Protein backbone atom coordinates (compact mmCIF):
# COMPACT_ATOMS: atom_id res chain seq x y z
CA MET A 1 88.29 103.78 90.14
CA GLY A 2 85.32 101.42 90.28
CA HIS A 3 85.81 100.06 93.75
CA SER A 4 82.83 99.11 95.86
CA PRO A 5 83.38 98.13 99.47
CA LEU A 6 81.72 95.03 100.76
CA PRO A 7 78.94 95.68 103.23
CA ASP A 8 80.53 93.33 105.74
CA GLU A 9 83.95 93.59 107.32
CA GLY A 10 85.33 90.74 109.36
CA GLY A 11 88.42 89.78 111.19
CA VAL A 12 90.96 87.02 111.32
CA SER A 13 93.57 85.92 113.74
CA ARG A 14 96.06 83.12 113.84
CA GLU A 15 93.46 81.30 115.96
CA GLY A 16 90.69 81.66 113.38
CA VAL A 17 88.08 83.90 111.84
CA ARG A 18 86.01 86.28 113.91
CA SER A 19 83.31 88.64 112.75
CA THR A 20 83.29 92.34 113.63
CA ALA A 21 80.15 93.22 111.71
CA GLY A 22 77.31 94.77 113.70
CA GLU A 23 73.60 94.47 113.12
CA PRO A 24 72.40 96.91 110.45
CA ALA A 25 70.20 99.72 111.66
CA PRO A 26 66.72 99.68 110.15
CA SER A 27 66.11 102.44 107.66
CA PRO A 28 62.94 103.79 106.09
CA PRO A 29 62.16 102.51 102.58
CA VAL A 30 63.47 104.74 99.80
CA SER A 31 63.46 104.59 96.03
CA VAL A 32 67.01 104.16 94.78
CA PRO A 33 67.99 104.02 91.11
CA PRO A 34 69.95 100.93 90.03
CA SER A 35 73.66 101.14 90.80
CA PRO A 36 76.09 101.30 87.87
CA ILE A 37 78.40 99.17 90.02
CA PRO A 38 77.50 95.48 89.94
CA THR A 39 76.14 94.12 93.18
CA HIS A 40 76.22 90.53 94.29
CA PRO A 41 74.27 88.81 97.00
CA MET A 42 76.37 87.88 99.97
CA THR A 43 75.86 84.18 100.32
CA PRO A 44 77.36 81.84 102.91
CA ALA A 45 79.71 80.58 100.18
CA THR A 46 81.04 84.05 99.27
CA LEU A 47 81.40 85.03 102.93
CA THR A 48 83.30 81.81 103.63
CA LEU A 49 85.65 82.44 100.69
CA GLN A 50 86.28 86.01 101.84
CA ALA A 51 87.13 84.85 105.36
CA ALA A 52 89.33 82.07 103.95
CA LEU A 53 91.29 84.60 101.86
CA ALA A 54 91.88 86.79 104.91
CA GLN A 55 92.93 83.78 106.97
CA GLN A 56 95.31 82.61 104.24
CA LEU A 57 96.92 86.05 104.19
CA ALA A 58 97.27 86.08 107.98
CA ASP A 59 98.85 82.63 107.91
CA ALA A 60 101.29 83.67 105.15
CA LEU A 61 102.71 86.55 107.17
CA PRO A 62 105.86 85.84 109.18
CA ALA A 63 105.17 84.75 112.74
CA ASP A 64 108.50 86.18 113.92
CA GLN A 65 107.62 89.77 112.95
CA THR A 66 104.94 92.09 114.31
CA TRP A 67 103.24 93.32 111.17
CA GLU A 68 100.58 96.00 111.33
CA HIS A 69 99.09 96.02 107.81
CA ALA A 70 99.08 93.71 104.79
CA LEU A 71 97.74 94.12 101.26
CA VAL A 72 97.13 91.90 98.25
CA ASN A 73 96.03 93.55 94.99
CA TYR A 74 94.96 90.64 92.78
CA GLU A 75 94.04 90.85 89.10
CA LEU A 76 92.28 88.07 87.21
CA GLY A 77 91.92 87.95 83.44
CA GLU A 78 89.31 86.06 81.47
CA GLU A 79 88.82 82.35 82.06
CA LEU A 80 91.04 80.31 79.74
CA PRO A 81 89.96 76.66 80.24
CA ASP A 82 92.44 75.36 77.66
CA GLU A 83 95.30 77.02 79.50
CA GLY A 84 94.47 75.94 83.03
CA GLY A 85 92.46 78.97 84.14
CA PRO A 86 92.72 82.75 83.99
CA GLN A 87 95.88 84.80 83.90
CA ALA A 88 96.64 86.45 87.22
CA SER A 89 98.83 89.26 88.48
CA TYR A 90 99.30 90.32 92.06
CA LEU A 91 101.13 92.76 94.27
CA ALA A 92 101.44 91.68 97.89
CA PHE A 93 103.27 93.21 100.83
CA TYR A 94 103.04 93.94 104.51
CA LEU A 95 104.20 96.70 106.83
CA VAL A 96 106.39 96.13 109.89
CA ARG A 97 107.92 98.49 112.43
CA ALA A 98 111.71 98.47 112.29
CA ALA A 99 114.22 99.95 114.72
CA GLY A 100 113.35 103.50 115.67
CA ASN A 101 109.64 102.82 115.10
CA VAL A 102 110.08 103.28 111.32
CA LEU A 103 107.54 101.58 109.05
CA VAL A 104 109.09 99.29 106.45
CA VAL A 105 107.44 97.61 103.45
CA GLU A 106 108.21 93.90 103.04
CA GLU A 107 107.23 92.07 99.87
CA LEU A 108 105.13 88.93 100.27
CA ARG A 109 106.16 86.40 97.64
CA PRO A 110 105.02 83.90 96.75
CA LEU A 111 101.39 83.91 97.76
CA PRO A 112 100.14 80.61 99.14
CA ALA A 113 98.72 78.50 96.30
CA ASP A 114 95.35 78.28 98.04
CA MET A 115 94.96 82.06 97.86
CA HIS A 116 95.06 81.90 94.06
CA TYR A 117 92.30 79.29 94.07
CA PHE A 118 90.22 81.21 96.63
CA PHE A 119 90.40 84.41 94.53
CA GLN A 120 89.28 82.47 91.44
CA ASP A 121 86.52 80.69 93.37
CA LEU A 122 85.32 83.98 94.88
CA ARG A 123 85.05 85.60 91.45
CA ARG A 124 83.13 82.62 90.10
CA ALA A 125 80.80 82.64 93.12
CA MET A 126 80.12 86.35 92.68
CA ALA A 127 79.83 86.28 88.87
CA THR A 128 76.70 86.49 86.83
CA ASP A 129 76.25 85.42 83.22
CA GLU A 130 77.35 88.86 82.04
CA PRO A 131 81.13 89.23 81.67
CA ALA A 132 80.87 92.94 82.60
CA ARG A 133 79.59 91.86 86.02
CA ARG A 134 82.79 90.00 86.94
CA TRP A 135 85.45 91.81 88.87
CA GLY A 136 88.87 92.15 87.30
CA THR A 137 90.73 93.29 90.43
CA ALA A 138 90.21 92.45 94.08
CA GLU A 139 92.09 94.20 96.86
CA LEU A 140 92.40 92.56 100.27
CA THR A 141 93.75 94.55 103.20
CA LEU A 142 94.36 93.08 106.62
CA SER A 143 95.19 95.04 109.75
CA GLY A 144 97.33 93.77 112.60
CA ASP A 145 94.27 93.59 114.85
CA GLY A 146 92.64 91.08 112.48
CA ARG A 147 90.18 93.30 110.60
CA TYR A 148 90.05 92.81 106.85
CA ARG A 149 88.44 94.49 103.89
CA LEU A 150 87.89 93.38 100.31
CA THR A 151 87.15 95.82 97.49
CA PHE A 152 86.50 95.04 93.86
CA ASP A 153 87.06 96.83 90.55
CA TYR A 154 84.85 95.69 87.66
CA ASN A 155 86.98 97.21 84.92
CA PRO A 156 89.41 95.05 82.92
CA PRO A 157 92.58 94.40 84.94
CA LYS A 158 95.21 96.98 84.08
CA ARG A 159 98.54 95.25 84.80
CA LEU A 160 97.45 92.17 82.86
CA ASN A 161 96.71 94.49 79.92
CA GLY A 162 100.10 96.23 80.09
CA ILE A 163 98.86 99.37 81.86
CA LEU A 164 101.15 100.41 84.71
CA ASP A 165 99.61 103.66 85.92
CA GLU A 166 99.05 105.32 89.30
CA ASP A 167 96.08 103.16 90.17
CA SER A 168 97.45 99.77 89.09
CA TYR A 169 101.11 100.13 90.01
CA ASP A 170 102.58 103.44 91.16
CA ARG A 171 100.48 103.76 94.32
CA PHE A 172 102.02 100.49 95.54
CA ARG A 173 105.59 101.80 95.41
CA ALA A 174 106.96 101.68 98.95
CA ASP A 175 107.46 105.43 99.35
CA ARG A 176 104.00 106.29 98.02
CA TYR A 177 102.18 103.58 99.92
CA LEU A 178 103.89 104.48 103.20
CA ALA A 179 102.97 108.15 102.73
CA ALA A 180 99.32 107.24 101.99
CA TYR A 181 99.22 104.81 104.91
CA ALA A 182 100.63 107.42 107.29
CA THR A 183 97.83 109.82 106.35
CA GLY A 184 95.12 107.16 106.62
CA ARG A 185 94.62 106.68 102.89
CA GLY A 186 96.53 103.39 102.53
């Protein structure tokens, strides 16, 4: 899959955003061929939108449960100005410990309305003039300790195009996701 992790990870809490990124170590200059994966400059605006998305997710999770992991896989189609914006599809859930220390998947529906706008704004802020350089899927994960990660896939969104395969759907089934999470791959 065409995911590329962001160079910066950060954290959120119910009290607000905190950064966990360290200073990059200097490296000697090297000649690197251009990446086939689109890259985007991290600007204050994109970093603010990323932190806002993570904070929105943290705020959407139930305060009366101790969750340890949350995920939003968000697909955006092409911009359709006449129809109020792009089509979107998302899968969102979080993991909680139930009786007996058993992990349970809880669906998160609906997403807060602001999250939809933040995803759209983030894609616009990261986009170039070339449609192939716009992400089709963003995946936000948030851990119970407040760390978050955003990854992007620059291929056309699969679920919006009727493709329900391992990558776009099956891996999010509760049994499969729990198994992957338990082995550190979720």
